[in-house]
Each structure stands twice: as C-alpha cells, then as structure tokens.
C-alpha cells in the first residue's frame, strides 16, 4: 500500500520549475453527438440533471479524494463522505430556518451537490 501511495503522489509532482506546470495529464472522454433534450423535456420525463458519483467531474480536490481512496479504502471514504454530506445538509437546513427561508433548503442542498461535483469531491 505504501508503494502505491508513493506512486500516486509522484504522479502529482510539480514539474517545470518557475514556469509552473504539472506532470499530471488530464484526459477527457469524447462524447457522441446526440441531439440535446430541452430541460422541459427532461423534467417531463422525470430525468434529473444531477449526476451520481461514478460520473463525477474531475476538479481541484479530485487528487486528494483519489489519495484518500488509496489510504482509507472505498468503504471508509464513503462513510466519511456520507457523514460530511449529512452534517452539511443539516447545517444548511439550520441556516435556512434561522434566516426564515426554509423553502430554499432543497435548492441550496442541490446547489451544494453541484458545487461539490465541480470541485471534485464526488469522484
């Protein structure tokens, strides 16, 4: 496990000196061109715009999450992630109640999930 951790850390080393840069290469999957559905059609069909963790975006914190998967293991990471999401949702609810805007709770929780995906917490 230690050798795997060292190999993972070596993949993220900074190269290029003062000019910056990184030896880490990010590749994107190309998608097949399909006629996009409008959001009203998706909503009517009951299809959500939210993505699950297996399809999460690569973001700023993705390398840390990958390292945590190596060190902690998938099960332990999922337990910690679930607890953090639960606490964050609870605090959002308490804030909305305090601010008198409890009707915005669901929208704020969904926004937090989208932000977490964008930042790379859900990889």
N, C-alpha and C. Protein backbone atom coordinates (compact mmCIF):
# COMPACT_ATOMS: atom_id res chain seq x y z
N UNK A 1 0.81 -1.19 0.00
CA UNK A 1 0.00 0.00 0.00
C UNK A 1 0.86 1.26 0.00
N UNK A 2 1.99 1.20 0.73
CA UNK A 2 2.87 2.36 0.79
C UNK A 2 3.46 2.67 -0.58
N UNK A 3 3.84 1.64 -1.31
CA UNK A 3 4.41 1.83 -2.65
C UNK A 3 3.38 2.45 -3.58
N UNK A 4 2.12 2.03 -3.45
CA UNK A 4 1.04 2.60 -4.26
C UNK A 4 0.82 4.06 -3.92
N UNK A 5 0.90 4.39 -2.64
CA UNK A 5 0.74 5.77 -2.20
C UNK A 5 1.86 6.64 -2.75
N UNK A 6 3.10 6.15 -2.72
CA UNK A 6 4.24 6.89 -3.26
C UNK A 6 4.08 7.09 -4.76
N UNK A 7 3.63 6.05 -5.46
CA UNK A 7 3.44 6.15 -6.91
C UNK A 7 2.34 7.15 -7.23
N UNK A 8 1.29 7.16 -6.43
CA UNK A 8 0.20 8.12 -6.64
C UNK A 8 0.69 9.54 -6.40
N UNK A 9 1.44 9.74 -5.33
CA UNK A 9 1.96 11.07 -5.03
C UNK A 9 2.92 11.54 -6.10
N UNK A 10 3.72 10.64 -6.66
CA UNK A 10 4.68 11.02 -7.69
C UNK A 10 3.97 11.48 -8.96
N UNK A 11 2.78 10.99 -9.20
CA UNK A 11 2.04 11.40 -10.39
C UNK A 11 1.59 12.86 -10.30
N UNK A 12 1.54 13.42 -9.10
CA UNK A 12 1.06 14.78 -8.92
C UNK A 12 2.19 15.77 -8.63
N UNK A 13 3.44 15.37 -8.83
CA UNK A 13 4.55 16.26 -8.52
C UNK A 13 4.56 17.42 -9.51
N UNK A 14 5.04 18.56 -9.06
CA UNK A 14 5.11 19.75 -9.90
C UNK A 14 6.38 19.68 -10.71
N UNK A 15 6.26 19.91 -11.98
CA UNK A 15 7.42 19.92 -12.88
C UNK A 15 7.43 21.26 -13.60
N UNK A 16 8.56 21.68 -14.04
CA UNK A 16 8.62 22.92 -14.82
C UNK A 16 9.22 24.06 -14.05
N UNK A 17 9.57 23.90 -12.80
CA UNK A 17 10.24 24.94 -12.02
C UNK A 17 9.42 26.21 -11.90
N UNK A 18 10.05 27.34 -12.20
CA UNK A 18 9.40 28.63 -12.03
C UNK A 18 8.28 28.85 -13.02
N UNK A 19 8.28 28.13 -14.12
CA UNK A 19 7.23 28.32 -15.12
C UNK A 19 5.96 27.59 -14.74
N UNK A 20 6.02 26.75 -13.72
CA UNK A 20 4.84 26.02 -13.28
C UNK A 20 4.63 24.79 -14.13
N UNK A 21 3.41 24.35 -14.22
CA UNK A 21 3.11 23.16 -15.00
C UNK A 21 3.05 21.95 -14.09
N UNK A 22 2.60 20.87 -14.63
CA UNK A 22 2.44 19.65 -13.85
C UNK A 22 2.67 18.46 -14.75
N UNK A 23 3.11 17.36 -14.16
CA UNK A 23 3.28 16.14 -14.93
C UNK A 23 1.98 15.36 -14.99
N UNK A 24 0.96 15.82 -14.31
CA UNK A 24 -0.32 15.14 -14.30
C UNK A 24 -1.07 15.46 -15.58
N UNK A 25 -1.53 14.45 -16.26
CA UNK A 25 -2.23 14.64 -17.53
C UNK A 25 -3.70 14.31 -17.31
N UNK A 26 -4.55 15.20 -17.74
CA UNK A 26 -5.99 15.01 -17.61
C UNK A 26 -6.56 14.76 -18.99
N UNK A 27 -7.23 13.66 -19.16
CA UNK A 27 -7.84 13.39 -20.46
C UNK A 27 -9.34 13.44 -20.30
N UNK A 28 -9.98 13.87 -21.35
CA UNK A 28 -11.43 13.93 -21.35
C UNK A 28 -11.96 12.91 -22.34
N UNK A 29 -13.05 12.31 -21.97
CA UNK A 29 -13.69 11.38 -22.88
C UNK A 29 -14.47 12.18 -23.91
N UNK A 30 -14.38 11.76 -25.15
CA UNK A 30 -15.18 12.42 -26.17
C UNK A 30 -16.56 11.80 -26.16
N UNK A 31 -17.53 12.60 -26.43
CA UNK A 31 -18.90 12.09 -26.41
C UNK A 31 -19.44 12.07 -27.83
N UNK A 32 -20.37 11.20 -28.05
CA UNK A 32 -21.01 11.08 -29.35
C UNK A 32 -22.04 12.19 -29.46
N UNK A 33 -22.08 12.85 -30.59
CA UNK A 33 -23.02 13.95 -30.79
C UNK A 33 -24.44 13.39 -30.84
N UNK A 34 -25.24 13.83 -29.90
CA UNK A 34 -26.64 13.43 -29.82
C UNK A 34 -27.46 14.69 -29.70
N UNK A 35 -28.61 14.69 -30.30
CA UNK A 35 -29.48 15.86 -30.21
C UNK A 35 -29.83 16.10 -28.75
N UNK A 36 -29.49 17.29 -28.21
CA UNK A 36 -29.76 17.56 -26.80
C UNK A 36 -31.25 17.69 -26.52
N UNK A 37 -31.65 17.18 -25.37
CA UNK A 37 -33.04 17.32 -24.94
C UNK A 37 -33.18 18.63 -24.20
N UNK A 38 -34.29 19.28 -24.37
CA UNK A 38 -34.50 20.50 -23.62
C UNK A 38 -34.76 20.15 -22.16
N UNK A 39 -34.54 21.11 -21.27
CA UNK A 39 -34.73 20.85 -19.85
C UNK A 39 -36.19 20.55 -19.52
N UNK A 40 -37.12 21.12 -20.28
CA UNK A 40 -38.53 20.84 -20.02
C UNK A 40 -38.86 19.40 -20.41
N UNK A 41 -38.26 18.91 -21.49
CA UNK A 41 -38.49 17.53 -21.90
C UNK A 41 -37.91 16.57 -20.87
N UNK A 42 -36.70 16.89 -20.37
CA UNK A 42 -36.06 16.04 -19.36
C UNK A 42 -36.90 16.03 -18.08
N UNK A 43 -37.39 17.21 -17.68
CA UNK A 43 -38.18 17.29 -16.46
C UNK A 43 -39.49 16.52 -16.60
N UNK A 44 -40.10 16.61 -17.77
CA UNK A 44 -41.36 15.91 -18.00
C UNK A 44 -41.14 14.40 -17.99
N UNK A 45 -39.98 13.97 -18.44
CA UNK A 45 -39.68 12.54 -18.47
C UNK A 45 -39.23 12.04 -17.11
N UNK A 46 -39.02 12.95 -16.15
CA UNK A 46 -38.59 12.55 -14.81
C UNK A 46 -37.11 12.29 -14.73
N UNK A 47 -36.33 12.78 -15.69
CA UNK A 47 -34.89 12.59 -15.70
C UNK A 47 -34.23 13.77 -15.01
N UNK A 48 -33.37 13.49 -14.07
CA UNK A 48 -32.70 14.53 -13.30
C UNK A 48 -31.42 14.97 -13.98
N UNK A 49 -31.05 16.22 -13.78
CA UNK A 49 -29.79 16.73 -14.29
C UNK A 49 -28.63 16.39 -13.35
N UNK A 50 -28.92 15.87 -12.17
CA UNK A 50 -27.90 15.53 -11.19
C UNK A 50 -27.20 14.25 -11.62
N UNK A 51 -25.87 14.19 -11.36
CA UNK A 51 -25.09 13.01 -11.71
C UNK A 51 -24.66 12.31 -10.43
N UNK A 52 -24.50 11.01 -10.52
CA UNK A 52 -24.04 10.24 -9.38
C UNK A 52 -22.52 10.26 -9.32
N UNK A 53 -21.97 9.77 -8.22
CA UNK A 53 -20.53 9.81 -8.00
C UNK A 53 -19.69 9.12 -9.07
N UNK A 54 -20.20 8.07 -9.68
CA UNK A 54 -19.41 7.37 -10.68
C UNK A 54 -19.23 8.20 -11.95
N UNK A 55 -19.99 9.27 -12.13
CA UNK A 55 -19.88 10.11 -13.30
C UNK A 55 -19.42 11.52 -12.92
N UNK A 56 -18.81 11.66 -11.78
CA UNK A 56 -18.45 12.99 -11.27
C UNK A 56 -17.35 13.63 -12.11
N UNK A 57 -17.31 14.95 -12.06
CA UNK A 57 -16.30 15.71 -12.79
C UNK A 57 -14.97 15.66 -12.06
N UNK A 58 -13.90 15.86 -12.81
CA UNK A 58 -12.58 15.98 -12.22
C UNK A 58 -12.38 17.43 -11.84
N UNK A 59 -12.12 17.70 -10.56
CA UNK A 59 -11.96 19.08 -10.10
C UNK A 59 -10.69 19.26 -9.29
N UNK A 60 -10.59 20.40 -8.66
CA UNK A 60 -9.40 20.78 -7.91
C UNK A 60 -9.09 19.78 -6.79
N UNK A 61 -10.09 19.27 -6.13
CA UNK A 61 -9.88 18.38 -4.99
C UNK A 61 -9.86 16.90 -5.37
N UNK A 62 -10.01 16.57 -6.64
CA UNK A 62 -10.03 15.17 -7.07
C UNK A 62 -8.76 14.41 -6.69
N UNK A 63 -7.55 14.99 -6.86
CA UNK A 63 -6.35 14.24 -6.45
C UNK A 63 -6.37 13.88 -4.96
N UNK A 64 -6.86 14.77 -4.12
CA UNK A 64 -6.94 14.48 -2.69
C UNK A 64 -7.93 13.35 -2.41
N UNK A 65 -9.04 13.33 -3.16
CA UNK A 65 -10.02 12.27 -2.97
C UNK A 65 -9.45 10.93 -3.43
N UNK A 66 -8.73 10.94 -4.55
CA UNK A 66 -8.09 9.70 -5.01
C UNK A 66 -7.07 9.20 -3.99
N UNK A 67 -6.30 10.11 -3.42
CA UNK A 67 -5.32 9.72 -2.39
C UNK A 67 -6.03 9.16 -1.17
N UNK A 68 -7.15 9.77 -0.77
CA UNK A 68 -7.92 9.27 0.37
C UNK A 68 -8.47 7.87 0.08
N UNK A 69 -8.87 7.61 -1.17
CA UNK A 69 -9.34 6.27 -1.53
C UNK A 69 -8.23 5.24 -1.35
N UNK A 70 -7.00 5.62 -1.71
CA UNK A 70 -5.87 4.70 -1.58
C UNK A 70 -5.55 4.46 -0.11
N UNK A 71 -5.52 5.53 0.68
CA UNK A 71 -5.12 5.43 2.09
C UNK A 71 -6.22 4.80 2.94
N UNK A 72 -7.45 5.29 2.79
CA UNK A 72 -8.54 4.85 3.66
C UNK A 72 -9.31 3.64 3.14
N UNK A 73 -9.37 3.50 1.84
CA UNK A 73 -10.21 2.46 1.23
C UNK A 73 -11.56 3.05 0.88
N UNK A 74 -12.23 2.43 -0.09
CA UNK A 74 -13.50 2.94 -0.60
C UNK A 74 -14.59 2.98 0.48
N UNK A 75 -14.70 1.92 1.29
CA UNK A 75 -15.76 1.85 2.30
C UNK A 75 -15.61 2.95 3.35
N UNK A 76 -14.41 3.11 3.89
CA UNK A 76 -14.16 4.12 4.91
C UNK A 76 -14.37 5.53 4.34
N UNK A 77 -13.90 5.76 3.11
CA UNK A 77 -14.09 7.06 2.47
C UNK A 77 -15.58 7.36 2.28
N UNK A 78 -16.35 6.37 1.86
CA UNK A 78 -17.80 6.58 1.68
C UNK A 78 -18.49 6.89 2.99
N UNK A 79 -18.06 6.26 4.09
CA UNK A 79 -18.64 6.56 5.40
C UNK A 79 -18.34 8.00 5.81
N UNK A 80 -17.09 8.41 5.63
CA UNK A 80 -16.70 9.78 5.98
C UNK A 80 -17.42 10.78 5.08
N UNK A 81 -17.48 10.49 3.79
CA UNK A 81 -18.16 11.38 2.84
C UNK A 81 -19.65 11.50 3.18
N UNK A 82 -20.29 10.38 3.50
CA UNK A 82 -21.70 10.39 3.87
C UNK A 82 -21.96 11.21 5.12
N UNK A 83 -21.10 11.07 6.11
CA UNK A 83 -21.23 11.84 7.35
C UNK A 83 -21.07 13.33 7.07
N UNK A 84 -20.08 13.69 6.23
CA UNK A 84 -19.85 15.10 5.90
C UNK A 84 -21.04 15.69 5.14
N UNK A 85 -21.59 14.93 4.20
CA UNK A 85 -22.75 15.41 3.44
C UNK A 85 -23.95 15.57 4.35
N UNK A 86 -24.14 14.63 5.27
CA UNK A 86 -25.25 14.70 6.22
C UNK A 86 -25.13 15.94 7.11
N UNK A 87 -23.94 16.17 7.66
CA UNK A 87 -23.73 17.35 8.51
C UNK A 87 -23.92 18.64 7.72
N UNK A 88 -23.42 18.68 6.50
CA UNK A 88 -23.55 19.89 5.69
C UNK A 88 -25.02 20.17 5.37
N UNK A 89 -25.78 19.13 5.03
CA UNK A 89 -27.20 19.30 4.77
C UNK A 89 -27.94 19.78 6.01
N UNK A 90 -27.55 19.25 7.16
CA UNK A 90 -28.15 19.67 8.43
C UNK A 90 -27.87 21.15 8.69
N UNK A 91 -26.64 21.58 8.47
CA UNK A 91 -26.29 22.99 8.69
C UNK A 91 -27.00 23.91 7.71
N UNK A 92 -27.18 23.45 6.48
CA UNK A 92 -27.93 24.25 5.50
C UNK A 92 -29.37 24.40 5.98
N UNK A 93 -29.96 23.32 6.48
CA UNK A 93 -31.33 23.39 7.00
C UNK A 93 -31.45 24.32 8.19
N UNK A 94 -30.47 24.25 9.11
CA UNK A 94 -30.49 25.14 10.27
C UNK A 94 -30.33 26.60 9.86
N UNK A 95 -29.46 26.85 8.89
CA UNK A 95 -29.28 28.22 8.40
C UNK A 95 -30.57 28.74 7.76
N UNK A 96 -31.21 27.91 6.93
CA UNK A 96 -32.44 28.33 6.27
C UNK A 96 -33.54 28.61 7.29
N UNK A 97 -33.60 27.80 8.33
CA UNK A 97 -34.59 28.02 9.39
C UNK A 97 -34.29 29.32 10.13
N UNK A 98 -33.02 29.56 10.43
CA UNK A 98 -32.61 30.79 11.12
C UNK A 98 -32.89 32.02 10.27
N UNK A 99 -32.66 31.92 8.97
CA UNK A 99 -32.85 33.06 8.06
C UNK A 99 -34.30 33.24 7.65
N UNK A 100 -35.16 32.29 8.02
CA UNK A 100 -36.57 32.40 7.64
C UNK A 100 -36.80 32.05 6.18
N UNK A 101 -35.92 31.26 5.61
CA UNK A 101 -36.02 30.90 4.20
C UNK A 101 -35.98 29.39 4.05
N UNK A 102 -36.75 28.68 4.86
CA UNK A 102 -36.71 27.23 4.85
C UNK A 102 -37.15 26.66 3.51
N UNK A 103 -37.94 27.44 2.76
CA UNK A 103 -38.39 26.99 1.45
C UNK A 103 -37.23 26.87 0.44
N UNK A 104 -36.09 27.48 0.74
CA UNK A 104 -34.93 27.41 -0.15
C UNK A 104 -33.98 26.26 0.19
N UNK A 105 -34.29 25.51 1.24
CA UNK A 105 -33.40 24.46 1.73
C UNK A 105 -33.04 23.45 0.65
N UNK A 106 -34.03 22.91 -0.06
CA UNK A 106 -33.79 21.90 -1.08
C UNK A 106 -32.93 22.44 -2.21
N UNK A 107 -33.20 23.67 -2.63
CA UNK A 107 -32.41 24.28 -3.70
C UNK A 107 -30.96 24.47 -3.27
N UNK A 108 -30.73 24.88 -2.03
CA UNK A 108 -29.37 25.08 -1.54
C UNK A 108 -28.61 23.76 -1.41
N UNK A 109 -29.29 22.72 -0.99
CA UNK A 109 -28.65 21.40 -0.88
C UNK A 109 -28.27 20.89 -2.27
N UNK A 110 -29.15 21.07 -3.26
CA UNK A 110 -28.82 20.67 -4.62
C UNK A 110 -27.65 21.49 -5.16
N UNK A 111 -27.62 22.78 -4.84
CA UNK A 111 -26.52 23.64 -5.27
C UNK A 111 -25.21 23.17 -4.64
N UNK A 112 -25.25 22.76 -3.38
CA UNK A 112 -24.06 22.25 -2.70
C UNK A 112 -23.55 20.99 -3.39
N UNK A 113 -24.46 20.12 -3.85
CA UNK A 113 -24.05 18.90 -4.55
C UNK A 113 -23.39 19.24 -5.88
N UNK A 114 -23.97 20.19 -6.61
CA UNK A 114 -23.38 20.60 -7.89
C UNK A 114 -21.99 21.21 -7.66
N UNK A 115 -21.86 22.05 -6.64
CA UNK A 115 -20.55 22.65 -6.32
C UNK A 115 -19.53 21.59 -5.92
N UNK A 116 -19.96 20.62 -5.12
CA UNK A 116 -19.07 19.53 -4.72
C UNK A 116 -18.60 18.72 -5.92
N UNK A 117 -19.50 18.51 -6.87
CA UNK A 117 -19.13 17.80 -8.08
C UNK A 117 -18.13 18.61 -8.90
N UNK A 118 -18.38 19.90 -9.05
CA UNK A 118 -17.50 20.78 -9.82
C UNK A 118 -16.10 20.84 -9.19
N UNK A 119 -16.03 20.87 -7.86
CA UNK A 119 -14.74 20.96 -7.17
C UNK A 119 -14.01 19.63 -7.13
N UNK A 120 -14.70 18.53 -7.43
CA UNK A 120 -14.04 17.24 -7.48
C UNK A 120 -14.17 16.40 -6.22
N UNK A 121 -15.10 16.75 -5.35
CA UNK A 121 -15.28 15.98 -4.12
C UNK A 121 -16.01 14.67 -4.36
N UNK A 122 -16.71 14.54 -5.48
CA UNK A 122 -17.57 13.38 -5.71
C UNK A 122 -16.97 12.34 -6.65
N UNK A 123 -15.66 12.42 -6.93
CA UNK A 123 -15.04 11.43 -7.80
C UNK A 123 -14.91 10.10 -7.10
